[in-house]
C-alpha atoms as a PDB file:
ATOM      1  CA  MET A   1      83.110 151.676 212.811  1.00  0.00           C
ATOM      2  CA  SER A   2      81.445 155.066 212.544  1.00  0.00           C
ATOM      3  CA  PRO A   3      82.100 157.890 215.039  1.00  0.00           C
ATOM      4  CA  HIS A   4      78.612 157.321 216.482  1.00  0.00           C
ATOM      5  CA  GLN A   5      79.268 153.602 217.009  1.00  0.00           C
ATOM      6  CA  PHE A   6      82.610 154.377 218.627  1.00  0.00           C
ATOM      7  CA  ARG A   7      81.098 156.898 221.064  1.00  0.00           C
ATOM      8  CA  ARG A   8      78.213 154.550 221.858  1.00  0.00           C
ATOM      9  CA  ARG A   9      80.543 151.635 222.596  1.00  0.00           C
ATOM     10  CA  LEU A  10      82.831 153.876 224.660  1.00  0.00           C
ATOM     11  CA  ALA A  11      79.890 155.230 226.643  1.00  0.00           C
ATOM     12  CA  CYS A  12      78.395 151.806 227.350  1.00  0.00           C
ATOM     13  CA  ARG A  13      81.708 150.293 228.411  1.00  0.00           C
ATOM     14  CA  TRP A  14      82.834 153.225 230.520  1.00  0.00           C
ATOM     15  CA  SER A  15      79.484 153.640 232.220  1.00  0.00           C
ATOM     16  CA  ARG A  16      79.751 149.997 233.315  1.00  0.00           C
ATOM     17  CA  THR A  17      82.998 150.834 235.112  1.00  0.00           C
ATOM     18  CA  GLY A  18      81.308 153.561 237.142  1.00  0.00           C
ATOM     19  CA  CYS A  19      82.632 156.512 235.147  1.00  0.00           C
ATOM     20  CA  PRO A  20      80.831 159.676 236.350  1.00  0.00           C
ATOM     21  CA  ASP A  21      78.191 161.049 233.962  1.00  0.00           C
ATOM     22  CA  ASP A  22      79.924 164.410 233.595  1.00  0.00           C
ATOM     23  CA  THR A  23      83.195 162.736 232.605  1.00  0.00           C
ATOM     24  CA  LEU A  24      81.392 160.466 230.170  1.00  0.00           C
ATOM     25  CA  ARG A  25      79.530 163.441 228.677  1.00  0.00           C
ATOM     26  CA  LEU A  26      82.745 165.404 228.171  1.00  0.00           C
ATOM     27  CA  LEU A  27      84.610 162.449 226.649  1.00  0.00           C
ATOM     28  CA  GLY A  28      81.698 161.683 224.328  1.00  0.00           C
ATOM     29  CA  GLY A  29      81.360 165.307 223.260  1.00  0.00           C
ATOM     30  CA  TRP A  30      77.683 165.570 224.235  1.00  0.00           C
ATOM     31  CA  LYS A  31      76.124 168.764 225.520  1.00  0.00           C
ATOM     32  CA  ASP A  32      72.841 167.160 226.535  1.00  0.00           C
ATOM     33  CA  ARG A  33      72.899 165.043 229.692  1.00  0.00           C
ATOM     34  CA  ARG A  34      70.150 162.854 228.254  1.00  0.00           C
ATOM     35  CA  MET A  35      72.719 161.157 226.018  1.00  0.00           C
ATOM     36  CA  THR A  36      74.707 159.857 228.974  1.00  0.00           C
ATOM     37  CA  GLU A  37      71.459 158.731 230.615  1.00  0.00           C
ATOM     38  CA  LEU A  38      70.544 156.833 227.449  1.00  0.00           C
ATOM     39  CA  TYR A  39      73.867 155.023 227.261  1.00  0.00           C
ATOM     40  CA  ARG A  40      73.940 154.350 230.992  1.00  0.00           C
ATOM     41  CA  SER A  41      70.505 152.707 230.736  1.00  0.00           C
ATOM     42  CA  GLU A  42      71.809 150.620 227.822  1.00  0.00           C
ATOM     43  CA  ALA A  43      74.741 149.478 229.943  1.00  0.00           C
ATOM     44  CA  VAL A  44      72.357 148.472 232.747  1.00  0.00           C
ATOM     45  CA  TYR A  45      70.297 146.488 230.234  1.00  0.00           C
ATOM     46  CA  GLU A  46      73.400 144.746 228.844  1.00  0.00           C
ATOM     47  CA  ARG A  47      74.567 143.803 232.339  1.00  0.00           C
ATOM     48  CA  ALA A  48      71.122 142.403 233.194  1.00  0.00           C
ATOM     49  CA  LEU A  49      71.091 140.392 229.978  1.00  0.00           C
ATOM     50  CA  GLU A  50      74.546 138.966 230.737  1.00  0.00           C
ATOM     51  CA  ASP A  51      73.367 137.968 234.216  1.00  0.00           C
ATOM     52  CA  PHE A  52      70.265 136.345 232.707  1.00  0.00           C
ATOM     53  CA  HIS A  53      72.386 134.255 230.338  1.00  0.00           C
ATOM     54  CA  LYS A  54      74.694 133.176 233.175  1.00  0.00           C
ATOM     55  CA  VAL A  55      71.699 131.754 235.023  1.00  0.00           C
ATOM     56  CA  VAL A  56      69.565 130.227 232.248  1.00  0.00           C
ATOM     57  CA  GLY A  57      71.984 129.847 229.368  1.00  0.00           C
ATOM     58  CA  GLU A  58      71.431 131.086 225.852  1.00  0.00           C
ATOM     59  CA  SER A  59      67.640 130.890 225.824  1.00  0.00           C
ATOM     60  CA  SER A  60      65.601 133.886 224.754  1.00  0.00           C
ATOM     61  CA  PRO A  61      65.162 136.509 227.497  1.00  0.00           C
ATOM     62  CA  PRO A  62      61.690 137.181 228.918  1.00  0.00           C
ATOM     63  CA  VAL A  63      59.558 139.793 227.183  1.00  0.00           C
ATOM     64  CA  GLY A  64      60.367 142.410 229.828  1.00  0.00           C
ATOM     65  CA  MET A  65      64.086 142.109 229.087  1.00  0.00           C
ATOM     66  CA  ARG A  66      63.965 142.340 225.314  1.00  0.00           C
ATOM     67  CA  ARG A  67      65.858 145.275 223.874  1.00  0.00           C
ATOM     68  CA  ARG A  68      63.996 148.549 224.028  1.00  0.00           C
ATOM     69  CA  VAL A  69      66.798 150.674 222.632  1.00  0.00           C
ATOM     70  CA  LYS A  70      67.778 150.413 218.966  1.00  0.00           C
ATOM     71  CA  ARG A  71      71.416 149.765 218.177  1.00  0.00           C
END
């Protein structure tokens, strides 16, 4: 796992727990607040996708829910 992958995974997981953006930014070593916003939006997407799969199973998500952020 590269340092980038580690920070990304940390940010997504911690943002899902409600970790404040400033704390997340400091732990991730980012100066720009846009990075925490990016990872927080990814965490929201992942949570929505999990909820989708709980309801309809493993079928493909609707077009509006397909990943917009590259991994």
